[in-house]
Amino acid sequence: IHLMYAVREEVDVLKEQIKELNSLLKTLASPEQMAQFQAQSSPALAPRQDVRSGSSPGSGWTTQGH
């Protein structure tokens, strides 16, 4: 049980560090760098180039293995 509390405390510390680093990144990065970073870190939100092909995200899961 003590280990669970230690892990939770460490997670909280890491969350705070992530918030601080994100804030620092937003302060120091140029708009172009932020756009590139956001495109790399969240591909689901980035514009998809294969929209015209008719494929949807995750469509490969239903066709693989048949």
N, C-alpha and C. Protein backbone atom coordinates (compact mmCIF):
# COMPACT_ATOMS: atom_id res chain seq x y z
N ILE A 1 0.84 -1.20 0.00
CA ILE A 1 0.00 0.00 0.00
C ILE A 1 0.88 1.25 0.00
N HIS A 2 1.96 1.21 0.74
CA HIS A 2 2.87 2.36 0.78
C HIS A 2 3.41 2.66 -0.62
N LEU A 3 3.67 1.61 -1.40
CA LEU A 3 4.19 1.80 -2.75
C LEU A 3 3.17 2.53 -3.63
N MET A 4 1.89 2.22 -3.47
CA MET A 4 0.86 2.90 -4.26
C MET A 4 0.86 4.40 -3.98
N TYR A 5 0.97 4.77 -2.71
CA TYR A 5 1.00 6.19 -2.37
C TYR A 5 2.24 6.86 -2.94
N ALA A 6 3.36 6.17 -2.88
CA ALA A 6 4.60 6.73 -3.43
C ALA A 6 4.48 6.94 -4.93
N VAL A 7 3.88 5.97 -5.61
CA VAL A 7 3.70 6.09 -7.07
C VAL A 7 2.76 7.24 -7.40
N ARG A 8 1.67 7.35 -6.67
CA ARG A 8 0.72 8.45 -6.91
C ARG A 8 1.38 9.80 -6.69
N GLU A 9 2.18 9.90 -5.64
CA GLU A 9 2.87 11.16 -5.37
C GLU A 9 3.84 11.49 -6.49
N GLU A 10 4.56 10.48 -6.97
CA GLU A 10 5.50 10.70 -8.08
C GLU A 10 4.76 11.11 -9.34
N VAL A 11 3.61 10.52 -9.60
CA VAL A 11 2.80 10.88 -10.77
C VAL A 11 2.36 12.34 -10.68
N ASP A 12 1.94 12.76 -9.50
CA ASP A 12 1.53 14.15 -9.32
C ASP A 12 2.70 15.11 -9.59
N VAL A 13 3.90 14.75 -9.09
CA VAL A 13 5.08 15.58 -9.32
C VAL A 13 5.38 15.65 -10.81
N LEU A 14 5.31 14.52 -11.49
CA LEU A 14 5.59 14.50 -12.92
C LEU A 14 4.56 15.30 -13.71
N LYS A 15 3.30 15.23 -13.31
CA LYS A 15 2.27 16.03 -13.98
C LYS A 15 2.57 17.52 -13.87
N GLU A 16 2.99 17.95 -12.68
CA GLU A 16 3.34 19.36 -12.49
C GLU A 16 4.54 19.75 -13.36
N GLN A 17 5.53 18.86 -13.42
CA GLN A 17 6.70 19.15 -14.25
C GLN A 17 6.31 19.24 -15.72
N ILE A 18 5.42 18.39 -16.16
CA ILE A 18 4.95 18.44 -17.56
C ILE A 18 4.24 19.76 -17.83
N LYS A 19 3.40 20.20 -16.90
CA LYS A 19 2.72 21.48 -17.07
C LYS A 19 3.72 22.63 -17.19
N GLU A 20 4.73 22.60 -16.32
CA GLU A 20 5.74 23.65 -16.35
C GLU A 20 6.52 23.63 -17.67
N LEU A 21 6.87 22.43 -18.12
CA LEU A 21 7.63 22.32 -19.37
C LEU A 21 6.78 22.74 -20.57
N ASN A 22 5.50 22.40 -20.56
CA ASN A 22 4.62 22.84 -21.64
C ASN A 22 4.52 24.37 -21.68
N SER A 23 4.42 24.95 -20.51
CA SER A 23 4.35 26.41 -20.44
C SER A 23 5.64 27.04 -20.97
N LEU A 24 6.77 26.47 -20.57
CA LEU A 24 8.06 26.96 -21.04
C LEU A 24 8.19 26.79 -22.55
N LEU A 25 7.74 25.65 -23.06
CA LEU A 25 7.80 25.40 -24.50
C LEU A 25 6.98 26.42 -25.26
N LYS A 26 5.78 26.70 -24.78
CA LYS A 26 4.92 27.67 -25.45
C LYS A 26 5.53 29.07 -25.43
N THR A 27 6.28 29.36 -24.37
CA THR A 27 6.91 30.67 -24.25
C THR A 27 8.09 30.81 -25.20
N LEU A 28 8.89 29.76 -25.32
CA LEU A 28 10.14 29.85 -26.05
C LEU A 28 10.04 29.47 -27.53
N ALA A 29 9.08 28.65 -27.88
CA ALA A 29 8.99 28.16 -29.26
C ALA A 29 8.32 29.19 -30.16
N SER A 30 8.75 29.20 -31.41
CA SER A 30 8.11 30.06 -32.40
C SER A 30 6.78 29.44 -32.82
N PRO A 31 5.88 30.21 -33.41
CA PRO A 31 4.60 29.64 -33.87
C PRO A 31 4.79 28.48 -34.83
N GLU A 32 5.81 28.57 -35.68
CA GLU A 32 6.06 27.47 -36.62
C GLU A 32 6.48 26.20 -35.89
N GLN A 33 7.34 26.36 -34.89
CA GLN A 33 7.78 25.21 -34.11
C GLN A 33 6.61 24.60 -33.34
N MET A 34 5.74 25.44 -32.80
CA MET A 34 4.58 24.93 -32.05
C MET A 34 3.65 24.17 -32.98
N ALA A 35 3.44 24.67 -34.19
CA ALA A 35 2.57 23.98 -35.14
C ALA A 35 3.16 22.62 -35.49
N GLN A 36 4.46 22.58 -35.70
CA GLN A 36 5.11 21.31 -36.02
C GLN A 36 5.03 20.35 -34.84
N PHE A 37 5.27 20.85 -33.64
CA PHE A 37 5.20 20.01 -32.46
C PHE A 37 3.80 19.44 -32.26
N GLN A 38 2.78 20.28 -32.41
CA GLN A 38 1.41 19.82 -32.22
C GLN A 38 1.02 18.80 -33.28
N ALA A 39 1.51 18.96 -34.50
CA ALA A 39 1.21 17.99 -35.56
C ALA A 39 1.85 16.64 -35.25
N GLN A 40 3.04 16.66 -34.67
CA GLN A 40 3.73 15.41 -34.34
C GLN A 40 3.15 14.75 -33.11
N SER A 41 2.74 15.53 -32.12
CA SER A 41 2.30 14.96 -30.86
C SER A 41 0.84 14.52 -30.89
N SER A 42 0.04 15.05 -31.80
CA SER A 42 -1.37 14.65 -31.86
C SER A 42 -1.78 14.43 -33.31
N PRO A 43 -1.38 13.32 -33.91
CA PRO A 43 -1.69 13.09 -35.33
C PRO A 43 -3.18 13.01 -35.60
N ALA A 44 -3.99 12.66 -34.62
CA ALA A 44 -5.43 12.57 -34.86
C ALA A 44 -6.03 13.95 -35.12
N LEU A 45 -5.40 15.00 -34.61
CA LEU A 45 -5.91 16.34 -34.81
C LEU A 45 -5.30 17.03 -36.02
N ALA A 46 -4.24 16.46 -36.56
CA ALA A 46 -3.58 17.04 -37.72
C ALA A 46 -4.38 16.75 -38.98
N PRO A 47 -4.30 17.62 -39.97
CA PRO A 47 -5.01 17.36 -41.23
C PRO A 47 -4.50 16.08 -41.89
N ARG A 48 -5.41 15.25 -42.32
CA ARG A 48 -5.01 14.00 -42.96
C ARG A 48 -4.90 14.22 -44.46
N GLN A 49 -3.88 13.65 -45.06
CA GLN A 49 -3.67 13.83 -46.49
C GLN A 49 -4.38 12.76 -47.31
N ASP A 50 -4.79 11.67 -46.67
CA ASP A 50 -5.39 10.57 -47.42
C ASP A 50 -6.92 10.54 -47.28
N VAL A 51 -7.52 11.70 -47.05
CA VAL A 51 -8.97 11.75 -46.88
C VAL A 51 -9.68 11.32 -48.16
N ARG A 52 -9.14 11.69 -49.31
CA ARG A 52 -9.79 11.36 -50.57
C ARG A 52 -9.73 9.87 -50.91
N SER A 53 -8.86 9.12 -50.23
CA SER A 53 -8.76 7.70 -50.54
C SER A 53 -9.93 6.90 -49.97
N GLY A 54 -10.70 7.54 -49.09
CA GLY A 54 -11.86 6.84 -48.54
C GLY A 54 -11.53 6.03 -47.30
N SER A 55 -10.29 6.01 -46.88
CA SER A 55 -9.95 5.27 -45.68
C SER A 55 -10.23 6.13 -44.47
N SER A 56 -10.65 5.49 -43.42
CA SER A 56 -10.90 6.20 -42.18
C SER A 56 -9.93 5.71 -41.13
N PRO A 57 -9.67 6.52 -40.11
CA PRO A 57 -8.75 6.09 -39.07
C PRO A 57 -9.24 4.81 -38.41
N GLY A 58 -8.37 3.84 -38.29
CA GLY A 58 -8.74 2.60 -37.64
C GLY A 58 -9.39 1.58 -38.56
N SER A 59 -9.57 1.92 -39.83
CA SER A 59 -10.25 0.99 -40.73
C SER A 59 -9.41 -0.27 -40.98
N GLY A 60 -8.10 -0.16 -40.77
CA GLY A 60 -7.23 -1.30 -40.97
C GLY A 60 -7.44 -2.42 -39.97
N TRP A 61 -7.98 -2.08 -38.81
CA TRP A 61 -8.18 -3.09 -37.79
C TRP A 61 -9.21 -4.12 -38.20
N THR A 62 -10.19 -3.72 -38.96
CA THR A 62 -11.25 -4.68 -39.31
C THR A 62 -10.87 -5.54 -40.50
N THR A 63 -9.89 -5.12 -41.28
CA THR A 63 -9.57 -5.89 -42.49
C THR A 63 -8.32 -6.75 -42.30
N GLN A 64 -7.54 -6.51 -41.28
CA GLN A 64 -6.32 -7.28 -41.10
C GLN A 64 -6.65 -8.66 -40.53
N GLY A 65 -5.88 -9.65 -40.97
CA GLY A 65 -6.02 -10.99 -40.45
C GLY A 65 -7.08 -11.82 -41.12
N HIS A 66 -7.64 -11.34 -42.21
CA HIS A 66 -8.67 -12.12 -42.92
C HIS A 66 -8.10 -12.79 -44.14
